[in-house]
Amino acid sequence: MRIKTKLAILFALLFVFGCKKEEPESEAPVITFIDANLSSSETSAIINFEFFDKDGDLGLRQDENSGEYEYNVIVDYYEKRNGEWILKSPIISFTPDITLPDGGTYDSSSTNVRMPYLENEAQRTLEGDIRVSFLFDKKEFPNTFGPDTFRYEFYVKDRALQNSNVITTTELIVE
């Protein structure tokens, strides 16, 4: 009787642990740079890239808008000065005003953006192209936007907060 009991327990354990489905590991999205250009009016940089997300959880819902979920395309802005790339984001500008104690005001603006929620209840693989436009106006804000050559580096985050690879745009040259 002992052998039958031991075999029954062994089969029960094998059944419980052997039939347990493994949860698929979440996978970080992958992005690929396509191209970057200036608009014809030279007031915006237009960046195109491809995305691939195996577990299909890209994009932020309208109500996901704070903390880690405020932005899901994280962008760094670089200017080329004397042949060297200098990180300038967040972009900080200074407006002189002698009536203020500090002699003016500083303004900081982030270059991060939001990719909208992509409906995917089946959690199938998502892939496609995205076009992002970053506004700037060299003529209107000459003290804020001074370089003639700049670029962006960025990555995307999925809803599981996994970061994609980082991609770098080509140099963008303002005439």
N, C-alpha and C. Protein backbone atom coordinates (compact mmCIF):
# COMPACT_ATOMS: atom_id res chain seq x y z
N MET A 1 0.80 -1.18 0.00
CA MET A 1 0.00 0.00 0.00
C MET A 1 0.86 1.26 0.00
N ARG A 2 2.00 1.17 0.57
CA ARG A 2 2.88 2.33 0.63
C ARG A 2 3.37 2.73 -0.76
N ILE A 3 3.66 1.78 -1.60
CA ILE A 3 4.15 2.08 -2.94
C ILE A 3 3.07 2.81 -3.74
N LYS A 4 1.81 2.35 -3.62
CA LYS A 4 0.70 2.98 -4.33
C LYS A 4 0.50 4.41 -3.84
N THR A 5 0.63 4.64 -2.56
CA THR A 5 0.47 5.98 -2.00
C THR A 5 1.58 6.90 -2.50
N LYS A 6 2.80 6.40 -2.47
CA LYS A 6 3.93 7.21 -2.95
C LYS A 6 3.79 7.53 -4.43
N LEU A 7 3.37 6.54 -5.22
CA LEU A 7 3.16 6.78 -6.65
C LEU A 7 2.04 7.79 -6.89
N ALA A 8 0.98 7.70 -6.11
CA ALA A 8 -0.14 8.65 -6.26
C ALA A 8 0.32 10.07 -5.95
N ILE A 9 1.09 10.21 -4.88
CA ILE A 9 1.61 11.54 -4.51
C ILE A 9 2.56 12.06 -5.59
N LEU A 10 3.42 11.19 -6.09
CA LEU A 10 4.36 11.58 -7.14
C LEU A 10 3.62 12.04 -8.40
N PHE A 11 2.61 11.29 -8.83
CA PHE A 11 1.82 11.68 -10.01
C PHE A 11 1.06 12.97 -9.77
N ALA A 12 0.55 13.15 -8.55
CA ALA A 12 -0.17 14.39 -8.22
C ALA A 12 0.77 15.59 -8.31
N LEU A 13 1.98 15.45 -7.78
CA LEU A 13 2.96 16.53 -7.85
C LEU A 13 3.37 16.83 -9.30
N LEU A 14 3.60 15.76 -10.06
CA LEU A 14 3.94 15.96 -11.47
C LEU A 14 2.81 16.66 -12.23
N PHE A 15 1.58 16.28 -11.91
CA PHE A 15 0.43 16.89 -12.58
C PHE A 15 0.33 18.37 -12.22
N VAL A 16 0.46 18.69 -10.93
CA VAL A 16 0.32 20.08 -10.48
C VAL A 16 1.43 20.95 -11.06
N PHE A 17 2.67 20.51 -10.96
CA PHE A 17 3.78 21.34 -11.41
C PHE A 17 4.09 21.17 -12.89
N GLY A 18 3.81 20.02 -13.44
CA GLY A 18 4.10 19.76 -14.85
C GLY A 18 3.13 20.45 -15.79
N CYS A 19 1.91 20.65 -15.36
CA CYS A 19 0.90 21.26 -16.21
C CYS A 19 0.79 22.77 -16.00
N LYS A 20 1.59 23.31 -15.14
CA LYS A 20 1.54 24.73 -14.88
C LYS A 20 2.06 25.49 -16.09
N LYS A 21 1.23 26.39 -16.58
CA LYS A 21 1.64 27.19 -17.74
C LYS A 21 2.61 28.27 -17.30
N GLU A 22 3.66 28.43 -18.05
CA GLU A 22 4.59 29.49 -17.76
C GLU A 22 4.06 30.78 -18.36
N GLU A 23 4.15 31.84 -17.57
CA GLU A 23 3.77 33.15 -18.07
C GLU A 23 4.83 33.60 -19.07
N PRO A 24 4.41 34.07 -20.23
CA PRO A 24 5.42 34.56 -21.16
C PRO A 24 6.09 35.80 -20.59
N GLU A 25 7.38 35.88 -20.75
CA GLU A 25 8.10 37.05 -20.27
C GLU A 25 7.75 38.24 -21.13
N SER A 26 7.55 39.36 -20.45
CA SER A 26 7.30 40.59 -21.20
C SER A 26 8.57 40.94 -21.97
N GLU A 27 8.35 41.47 -23.13
CA GLU A 27 9.49 41.85 -23.95
C GLU A 27 9.46 43.34 -24.23
N ALA A 28 10.62 43.95 -24.16
CA ALA A 28 10.72 45.38 -24.42
C ALA A 28 10.48 45.65 -25.90
N PRO A 29 9.88 46.79 -26.21
CA PRO A 29 9.67 47.15 -27.61
C PRO A 29 11.01 47.43 -28.30
N VAL A 30 11.00 47.34 -29.61
CA VAL A 30 12.18 47.64 -30.42
C VAL A 30 11.79 48.73 -31.41
N ILE A 31 12.65 49.74 -31.54
CA ILE A 31 12.39 50.81 -32.50
C ILE A 31 13.55 50.94 -33.47
N THR A 32 13.23 51.41 -34.68
CA THR A 32 14.23 51.56 -35.73
C THR A 32 14.06 52.93 -36.38
N PHE A 33 15.12 53.67 -36.46
CA PHE A 33 15.09 55.00 -37.08
C PHE A 33 14.88 54.87 -38.58
N ILE A 34 13.98 55.69 -39.13
CA ILE A 34 13.76 55.72 -40.58
C ILE A 34 14.40 56.97 -41.17
N ASP A 35 13.91 58.15 -40.77
CA ASP A 35 14.50 59.39 -41.26
C ASP A 35 14.07 60.58 -40.41
N ALA A 36 14.75 61.70 -40.61
CA ALA A 36 14.43 62.95 -39.92
C ALA A 36 14.66 64.09 -40.89
N ASN A 37 13.74 65.02 -40.91
CA ASN A 37 13.83 66.17 -41.80
C ASN A 37 13.27 67.40 -41.11
N LEU A 38 13.62 68.55 -41.65
CA LEU A 38 13.01 69.80 -41.19
C LEU A 38 11.81 70.09 -42.07
N SER A 39 10.80 70.72 -41.49
CA SER A 39 9.66 71.13 -42.29
C SER A 39 10.12 72.21 -43.27
N SER A 40 9.34 72.46 -44.31
CA SER A 40 9.74 73.44 -45.33
C SER A 40 9.87 74.84 -44.73
N SER A 41 9.11 75.12 -43.68
CA SER A 41 9.20 76.43 -43.04
C SER A 41 10.29 76.48 -41.97
N GLU A 42 10.95 75.34 -41.73
CA GLU A 42 11.99 75.21 -40.71
C GLU A 42 11.47 75.61 -39.33
N THR A 43 10.25 75.21 -39.01
CA THR A 43 9.69 75.46 -37.69
C THR A 43 9.45 74.17 -36.92
N SER A 44 9.74 73.02 -37.55
CA SER A 44 9.60 71.76 -36.84
C SER A 44 10.53 70.71 -37.44
N ALA A 45 10.91 69.77 -36.58
CA ALA A 45 11.69 68.61 -37.01
C ALA A 45 10.72 67.44 -37.07
N ILE A 46 10.72 66.72 -38.18
CA ILE A 46 9.81 65.61 -38.37
C ILE A 46 10.63 64.32 -38.37
N ILE A 47 10.33 63.46 -37.40
CA ILE A 47 11.08 62.22 -37.22
C ILE A 47 10.17 61.03 -37.50
N ASN A 48 10.66 60.09 -38.30
CA ASN A 48 9.92 58.87 -38.60
C ASN A 48 10.70 57.68 -38.06
N PHE A 49 9.98 56.77 -37.38
CA PHE A 49 10.62 55.55 -36.90
C PHE A 49 9.61 54.41 -36.89
N GLU A 50 10.14 53.20 -36.91
CA GLU A 50 9.31 51.99 -36.85
C GLU A 50 9.33 51.46 -35.42
N PHE A 51 8.24 50.78 -35.04
CA PHE A 51 8.19 50.13 -33.74
C PHE A 51 7.77 48.68 -33.91
N PHE A 52 8.22 47.85 -32.98
CA PHE A 52 7.85 46.44 -32.93
C PHE A 52 7.72 46.08 -31.45
N ASP A 53 6.56 45.58 -31.05
CA ASP A 53 6.35 45.20 -29.66
C ASP A 53 5.70 43.83 -29.62
N LYS A 54 6.46 42.84 -29.23
CA LYS A 54 6.00 41.45 -29.28
C LYS A 54 4.80 41.20 -28.37
N ASP A 55 4.80 41.79 -27.16
CA ASP A 55 3.67 41.54 -26.27
C ASP A 55 2.55 42.57 -26.42
N GLY A 56 2.68 43.51 -27.34
CA GLY A 56 1.59 44.38 -27.75
C GLY A 56 1.03 45.32 -26.71
N ASP A 57 1.86 45.87 -25.85
CA ASP A 57 1.34 46.78 -24.83
C ASP A 57 1.93 48.19 -24.95
N LEU A 58 1.87 48.72 -26.16
CA LEU A 58 2.37 50.07 -26.39
C LEU A 58 1.26 51.10 -26.25
N GLY A 59 1.65 52.31 -25.94
CA GLY A 59 0.72 53.43 -25.90
C GLY A 59 0.15 53.67 -24.52
N LEU A 60 -0.24 54.92 -24.30
CA LEU A 60 -0.82 55.32 -23.03
C LEU A 60 -2.28 55.68 -23.20
N ARG A 61 -3.10 55.23 -22.27
CA ARG A 61 -4.51 55.62 -22.26
C ARG A 61 -4.62 57.08 -21.82
N GLN A 62 -5.76 57.68 -22.10
CA GLN A 62 -5.98 59.09 -21.76
C GLN A 62 -5.79 59.33 -20.26
N ASP A 63 -6.26 58.38 -19.42
CA ASP A 63 -6.17 58.57 -17.97
C ASP A 63 -4.80 58.19 -17.40
N GLU A 64 -3.93 57.62 -18.20
CA GLU A 64 -2.57 57.32 -17.76
C GLU A 64 -1.72 58.55 -18.08
N ASN A 65 -1.61 59.45 -17.10
CA ASN A 65 -0.97 60.73 -17.40
C ASN A 65 -0.16 61.31 -16.25
N SER A 66 0.31 60.46 -15.36
CA SER A 66 1.13 61.00 -14.28
C SER A 66 2.23 60.00 -13.92
N GLY A 67 3.21 60.52 -13.22
CA GLY A 67 4.34 59.68 -12.78
C GLY A 67 5.04 59.03 -13.96
N GLU A 68 5.30 57.74 -13.85
CA GLU A 68 5.99 56.99 -14.91
C GLU A 68 5.17 56.93 -16.20
N TYR A 69 3.87 57.23 -16.11
CA TYR A 69 2.99 57.14 -17.27
C TYR A 69 2.69 58.50 -17.91
N GLU A 70 3.42 59.53 -17.52
CA GLU A 70 3.16 60.84 -18.11
C GLU A 70 3.58 60.88 -19.58
N TYR A 71 4.74 60.32 -19.87
CA TYR A 71 5.26 60.26 -21.24
C TYR A 71 5.73 58.85 -21.53
N ASN A 72 5.67 58.45 -22.80
CA ASN A 72 6.19 57.14 -23.14
C ASN A 72 7.16 57.19 -24.33
N VAL A 73 7.41 58.36 -24.87
CA VAL A 73 8.49 58.57 -25.83
C VAL A 73 9.43 59.56 -25.16
N ILE A 74 10.56 59.07 -24.69
CA ILE A 74 11.50 59.86 -23.90
C ILE A 74 12.59 60.36 -24.84
N VAL A 75 12.69 61.69 -24.94
CA VAL A 75 13.52 62.32 -25.96
C VAL A 75 14.59 63.20 -25.33
N ASP A 76 15.81 63.05 -25.81
CA ASP A 76 16.90 63.95 -25.46
C ASP A 76 17.26 64.77 -26.68
N TYR A 77 17.48 66.05 -26.45
CA TYR A 77 17.81 67.00 -27.51
C TYR A 77 19.28 67.38 -27.39
N TYR A 78 20.03 67.28 -28.51
CA TYR A 78 21.46 67.60 -28.53
C TYR A 78 21.73 68.69 -29.54
N GLU A 79 22.63 69.60 -29.18
CA GLU A 79 23.12 70.62 -30.11
C GLU A 79 24.58 70.35 -30.41
N LYS A 80 24.98 70.67 -31.62
CA LYS A 80 26.38 70.51 -32.00
C LYS A 80 27.07 71.86 -31.85
N ARG A 81 28.06 71.91 -30.96
CA ARG A 81 28.82 73.14 -30.70
C ARG A 81 30.31 72.82 -30.86
N ASN A 82 30.95 73.51 -31.77
CA ASN A 82 32.38 73.29 -32.02
C ASN A 82 32.70 71.83 -32.27
N GLY A 83 31.84 71.16 -33.03
CA GLY A 83 32.06 69.77 -33.40
C GLY A 83 31.72 68.75 -32.34
N GLU A 84 31.18 69.20 -31.20
CA GLU A 84 30.87 68.29 -30.09
C GLU A 84 29.37 68.33 -29.80
N TRP A 85 28.79 67.15 -29.56
CA TRP A 85 27.36 67.07 -29.23
C TRP A 85 27.16 67.34 -27.75
N ILE A 86 26.27 68.29 -27.44
CA ILE A 86 26.00 68.68 -26.06
C ILE A 86 24.52 68.44 -25.76
N LEU A 87 24.25 67.69 -24.70
CA LEU A 87 22.88 67.44 -24.27
C LEU A 87 22.27 68.74 -23.78
N LYS A 88 21.12 69.12 -24.33
CA LYS A 88 20.47 70.38 -23.97
C LYS A 88 19.06 70.19 -23.44
N SER A 89 18.60 68.96 -23.26
CA SER A 89 17.25 68.79 -22.76
C SER A 89 17.28 68.51 -21.26
N PRO A 90 16.32 68.96 -20.50
CA PRO A 90 15.23 69.77 -21.02
C PRO A 90 15.75 71.12 -21.53
N ILE A 91 15.04 71.67 -22.50
CA ILE A 91 15.46 72.94 -23.09
C ILE A 91 15.17 74.04 -22.08
N ILE A 92 16.19 74.79 -21.74
CA ILE A 92 16.04 75.86 -20.76
C ILE A 92 16.34 77.19 -21.45
N SER A 93 15.41 78.11 -21.33
CA SER A 93 15.64 79.44 -21.91
C SER A 93 15.61 80.47 -20.79
N PHE A 94 16.21 81.61 -21.03
CA PHE A 94 16.27 82.70 -20.07
C PHE A 94 15.73 83.96 -20.73
N THR A 95 14.75 84.57 -20.09
CA THR A 95 14.19 85.83 -20.58
C THR A 95 14.65 86.93 -19.63
N PRO A 96 15.52 87.84 -20.11
CA PRO A 96 16.01 88.90 -19.23
C PRO A 96 14.89 89.85 -18.81
N ASP A 97 14.93 90.25 -17.52
CA ASP A 97 14.00 91.23 -16.99
C ASP A 97 14.66 91.86 -15.78
N ILE A 98 15.12 93.09 -15.89
CA ILE A 98 15.88 93.73 -14.81
C ILE A 98 15.02 94.02 -13.59
N THR A 99 13.69 93.95 -13.72
CA THR A 99 12.82 94.20 -12.57
C THR A 99 12.71 92.99 -11.66
N LEU A 100 13.15 91.83 -12.10
CA LEU A 100 13.08 90.62 -11.29
C LEU A 100 14.37 90.43 -10.50
N PRO A 101 14.30 89.83 -9.30
CA PRO A 101 15.49 89.64 -8.46
C PRO A 101 16.62 88.88 -9.14
N ASP A 102 16.29 87.87 -9.94
CA ASP A 102 17.34 87.09 -10.61
C ASP A 102 17.73 87.69 -11.95
N GLY A 103 17.14 88.82 -12.30
CA GLY A 103 17.47 89.46 -13.57
C GLY A 103 16.71 88.89 -14.75
N GLY A 104 15.76 88.02 -14.49
CA GLY A 104 14.98 87.42 -15.57
C GLY A 104 14.31 86.14 -15.11
N THR A 105 13.71 85.43 -16.06
CA THR A 105 13.04 84.18 -15.73
C THR A 105 13.59 83.04 -16.58
N TYR A 106 13.64 81.88 -15.97
CA TYR A 106 14.05 80.67 -16.67
C TYR A 106 12.80 79.88 -17.02
N ASP A 107 12.83 79.27 -18.18
CA ASP A 107 11.73 78.41 -18.59
C ASP A 107 12.34 77.10 -19.05
N SER A 108 11.75 76.00 -18.62
CA SER A 108 12.23 74.68 -19.00
C SER A 108 11.11 73.94 -19.69
N SER A 109 11.40 73.39 -20.84
CA SER A 109 10.38 72.60 -21.54
C SER A 109 10.97 71.25 -21.91
N SER A 110 10.17 70.23 -21.66
CA SER A 110 10.58 68.86 -21.95
C SER A 110 10.30 68.55 -23.42
N THR A 111 11.10 67.69 -23.98
CA THR A 111 10.88 67.27 -25.36
C THR A 111 10.17 65.92 -25.42
N ASN A 112 9.84 65.34 -24.24
CA ASN A 112 9.16 64.05 -24.21
C ASN A 112 7.74 64.18 -24.76
N VAL A 113 7.24 63.10 -25.35
CA VAL A 113 5.89 63.11 -25.92
C VAL A 113 5.16 61.82 -25.54
N ARG A 114 3.88 61.77 -25.89
CA ARG A 114 3.04 60.61 -25.59
C ARG A 114 2.64 59.90 -26.86
N MET A 115 2.80 58.58 -26.87
CA MET A 115 2.28 57.75 -27.95
C MET A 115 0.90 57.29 -27.47
N PRO A 116 -0.14 57.48 -28.27
CA PRO A 116 -1.48 57.11 -27.80
C PRO A 116 -1.65 55.60 -27.65
N TYR A 117 -2.65 55.24 -26.88
CA TYR A 117 -2.96 53.84 -26.61
C TYR A 117 -3.34 53.13 -27.90
N LEU A 118 -2.80 51.95 -28.10
CA LEU A 118 -3.12 51.13 -29.26
C LEU A 118 -3.95 49.96 -28.77
N GLU A 119 -5.22 49.96 -29.13
CA GLU A 119 -6.15 48.91 -28.68
C GLU A 119 -5.63 47.54 -29.14
N ASN A 120 -5.47 46.62 -28.19
CA ASN A 120 -4.91 45.32 -28.51
C ASN A 120 -5.26 44.33 -27.40
N GLU A 121 -6.55 44.03 -27.24
CA GLU A 121 -6.99 43.14 -26.17
C GLU A 121 -6.38 41.75 -26.28
N ALA A 122 -6.13 41.28 -27.48
CA ALA A 122 -5.55 39.95 -27.67
C ALA A 122 -4.06 39.93 -27.38
N GLN A 123 -3.48 41.09 -27.11
CA GLN A 123 -2.05 41.24 -26.84
C GLN A 123 -1.20 40.60 -27.92
N ARG A 124 -1.60 40.85 -29.16
CA ARG A 124 -0.81 40.37 -30.29
C ARG A 124 0.34 41.33 -30.54
N THR A 125 1.29 40.87 -31.31
CA THR A 125 2.43 41.70 -31.67
C THR A 125 1.94 42.95 -32.40
N LEU A 126 2.51 44.08 -32.01
CA LEU A 126 2.20 45.35 -32.67
C LEU A 126 3.43 45.82 -33.42
N GLU A 127 3.22 46.31 -34.63
CA GLU A 127 4.32 46.92 -35.38
C GLU A 127 3.75 47.97 -36.32
N GLY A 128 4.58 48.96 -36.62
CA GLY A 128 4.14 50.02 -37.52
C GLY A 128 5.15 51.14 -37.57
N ASP A 129 4.74 52.23 -38.20
CA ASP A 129 5.58 53.43 -38.33
C ASP A 129 4.93 54.56 -37.55
N ILE A 130 5.76 55.41 -36.99
CA ILE A 130 5.28 56.59 -36.26
C ILE A 130 6.01 57.81 -36.79
N ARG A 131 5.27 58.89 -36.88
CA ARG A 131 5.83 60.17 -37.30
C ARG A 131 5.61 61.17 -36.16
N VAL A 132 6.70 61.75 -35.67
CA VAL A 132 6.65 62.70 -34.56
C VAL A 132 7.17 64.04 -35.06
N SER A 133 6.51 65.10 -34.66
CA SER A 133 6.93 66.44 -35.06
C SER A 133 7.28 67.24 -33.81
N PHE A 134 8.51 67.79 -33.78
CA PHE A 134 8.96 68.63 -32.68
C PHE A 134 9.03 70.07 -33.18
N LEU A 135 8.26 70.96 -32.56
CA LEU A 135 8.20 72.35 -32.99
C LEU A 135 9.37 73.16 -32.43
N PHE A 136 9.86 74.05 -33.21
CA PHE A 136 10.81 75.07 -32.76
C PHE A 136 10.70 76.22 -33.74
N ASP A 137 11.12 77.38 -33.34
CA ASP A 137 11.07 78.53 -34.23
C ASP A 137 12.29 79.39 -33.98
N LYS A 138 13.28 79.20 -34.79
CA LYS A 138 14.55 79.90 -34.63
C LYS A 138 14.39 81.41 -34.77
N LYS A 139 13.50 81.84 -35.64
CA LYS A 139 13.31 83.28 -35.86
C LYS A 139 12.62 83.95 -34.68
N GLU A 140 11.63 83.27 -34.11
CA GLU A 140 10.86 83.87 -33.02
C GLU A 140 11.60 83.79 -31.69
N PHE A 141 12.38 82.73 -31.47
CA PHE A 141 13.09 82.54 -30.21
C PHE A 141 14.59 82.38 -30.46
N PRO A 142 15.25 83.40 -30.96
CA PRO A 142 16.68 83.23 -31.29
C PRO A 142 17.55 82.94 -30.07
N ASN A 143 17.16 83.38 -28.88
CA ASN A 143 17.95 83.09 -27.68
C ASN A 143 17.73 81.67 -27.18
N THR A 144 16.60 81.09 -27.51
CA THR A 144 16.29 79.73 -27.08
C THR A 144 16.88 78.71 -28.04
N PHE A 145 16.71 78.96 -29.32
CA PHE A 145 17.16 78.00 -30.32
C PHE A 145 18.30 78.63 -31.10
N GLY A 146 19.52 78.33 -30.71
CA GLY A 146 20.65 78.99 -31.32
C GLY A 146 21.49 78.16 -32.27
N PRO A 147 21.44 76.83 -32.21
CA PRO A 147 22.37 76.07 -33.04
C PRO A 147 21.91 75.98 -34.48
N ASP A 148 22.85 75.67 -35.35
CA ASP A 148 22.44 75.39 -36.73
C ASP A 148 22.41 73.88 -36.98
N THR A 149 22.94 73.08 -36.03
CA THR A 149 22.94 71.63 -36.18
C THR A 149 22.49 71.00 -34.86
N PHE A 150 21.52 70.11 -34.94
CA PHE A 150 21.02 69.44 -33.75
C PHE A 150 20.54 68.03 -34.11
N ARG A 151 20.23 67.24 -33.09
CA ARG A 151 19.71 65.89 -33.30
C ARG A 151 18.91 65.48 -32.05
N TYR A 152 18.22 64.37 -32.17
CA TYR A 152 17.47 63.82 -31.06
C TYR A 152 17.90 62.37 -30.82
N GLU A 153 17.85 61.96 -29.56
CA GLU A 153 18.00 60.56 -29.18
C GLU A 153 16.76 60.22 -28.38
N PHE A 154 16.17 59.05 -28.64
CA PHE A 154 14.97 58.73 -27.90
C PHE A 154 14.73 57.23 -27.83
N TYR A 155 13.83 56.88 -26.91
CA TYR A 155 13.37 55.51 -26.75
C TYR A 155 11.90 55.56 -26.36
N VAL A 156 11.21 54.42 -26.47
CA VAL A 156 9.82 54.35 -26.06
C VAL A 156 9.70 53.39 -24.87
N LYS A 157 8.64 53.61 -24.08
CA LYS A 157 8.32 52.73 -22.95
C LYS A 157 6.96 52.10 -23.21
N ASP A 158 6.84 50.82 -22.91
CA ASP A 158 5.52 50.20 -23.01
C ASP A 158 4.79 50.34 -21.67
N ARG A 159 3.56 49.82 -21.58
CA ARG A 159 2.79 49.97 -20.35
C ARG A 159 3.36 49.15 -19.20
N ALA A 160 4.23 48.19 -19.49
CA ALA A 160 4.92 47.45 -18.43
C ALA A 160 6.18 48.20 -17.99
N LEU A 161 6.35 49.41 -18.52
CA LEU A 161 7.48 50.30 -18.22
C LEU A 161 8.82 49.73 -18.65
N GLN A 162 8.81 48.94 -19.71
CA GLN A 162 10.05 48.43 -20.29
C GLN A 162 10.52 49.40 -21.37
N ASN A 163 11.79 49.72 -21.34
CA ASN A 163 12.36 50.65 -22.31
C ASN A 163 12.83 49.93 -23.56
N SER A 164 12.58 50.56 -24.69
CA SER A 164 13.10 50.05 -25.95
C SER A 164 14.58 50.39 -26.06
N ASN A 165 15.16 50.03 -27.16
CA ASN A 165 16.50 50.48 -27.48
C ASN A 165 16.46 51.99 -27.75
N VAL A 166 17.62 52.64 -27.70
CA VAL A 166 17.73 54.07 -27.96
C VAL A 166 18.14 54.25 -29.42
N ILE A 167 17.47 55.18 -30.11
CA ILE A 167 17.87 55.49 -31.48
C ILE A 167 18.24 56.96 -31.57
N THR A 168 19.10 57.26 -32.52
CA THR A 168 19.60 58.62 -32.73
C THR A 168 19.24 59.05 -34.14
N THR A 169 18.71 60.28 -34.25
CA THR A 169 18.38 60.80 -35.58
C THR A 169 19.66 61.23 -36.29
N THR A 170 19.53 61.48 -37.56
CA THR A 170 20.62 62.09 -38.30
C THR A 170 20.73 63.54 -37.87
N GLU A 171 21.80 64.20 -38.27
CA GLU A 171 21.96 65.62 -37.97
C GLU A 171 20.90 66.41 -38.71
N LEU A 172 20.31 67.38 -38.04
CA LEU A 172 19.36 68.28 -38.66
C LEU A 172 20.02 69.65 -38.72
N ILE A 173 20.08 70.22 -39.91
CA ILE A 173 20.81 71.48 -40.11
C ILE A 173 19.83 72.57 -40.49
N VAL A 174 19.83 73.65 -39.71
CA VAL A 174 18.97 74.80 -39.98
C VAL A 174 19.77 75.80 -40.80
N GLU A 175 19.20 76.20 -41.91
CA GLU A 175 19.88 77.17 -42.79
C GLU A 175 19.79 78.58 -42.26
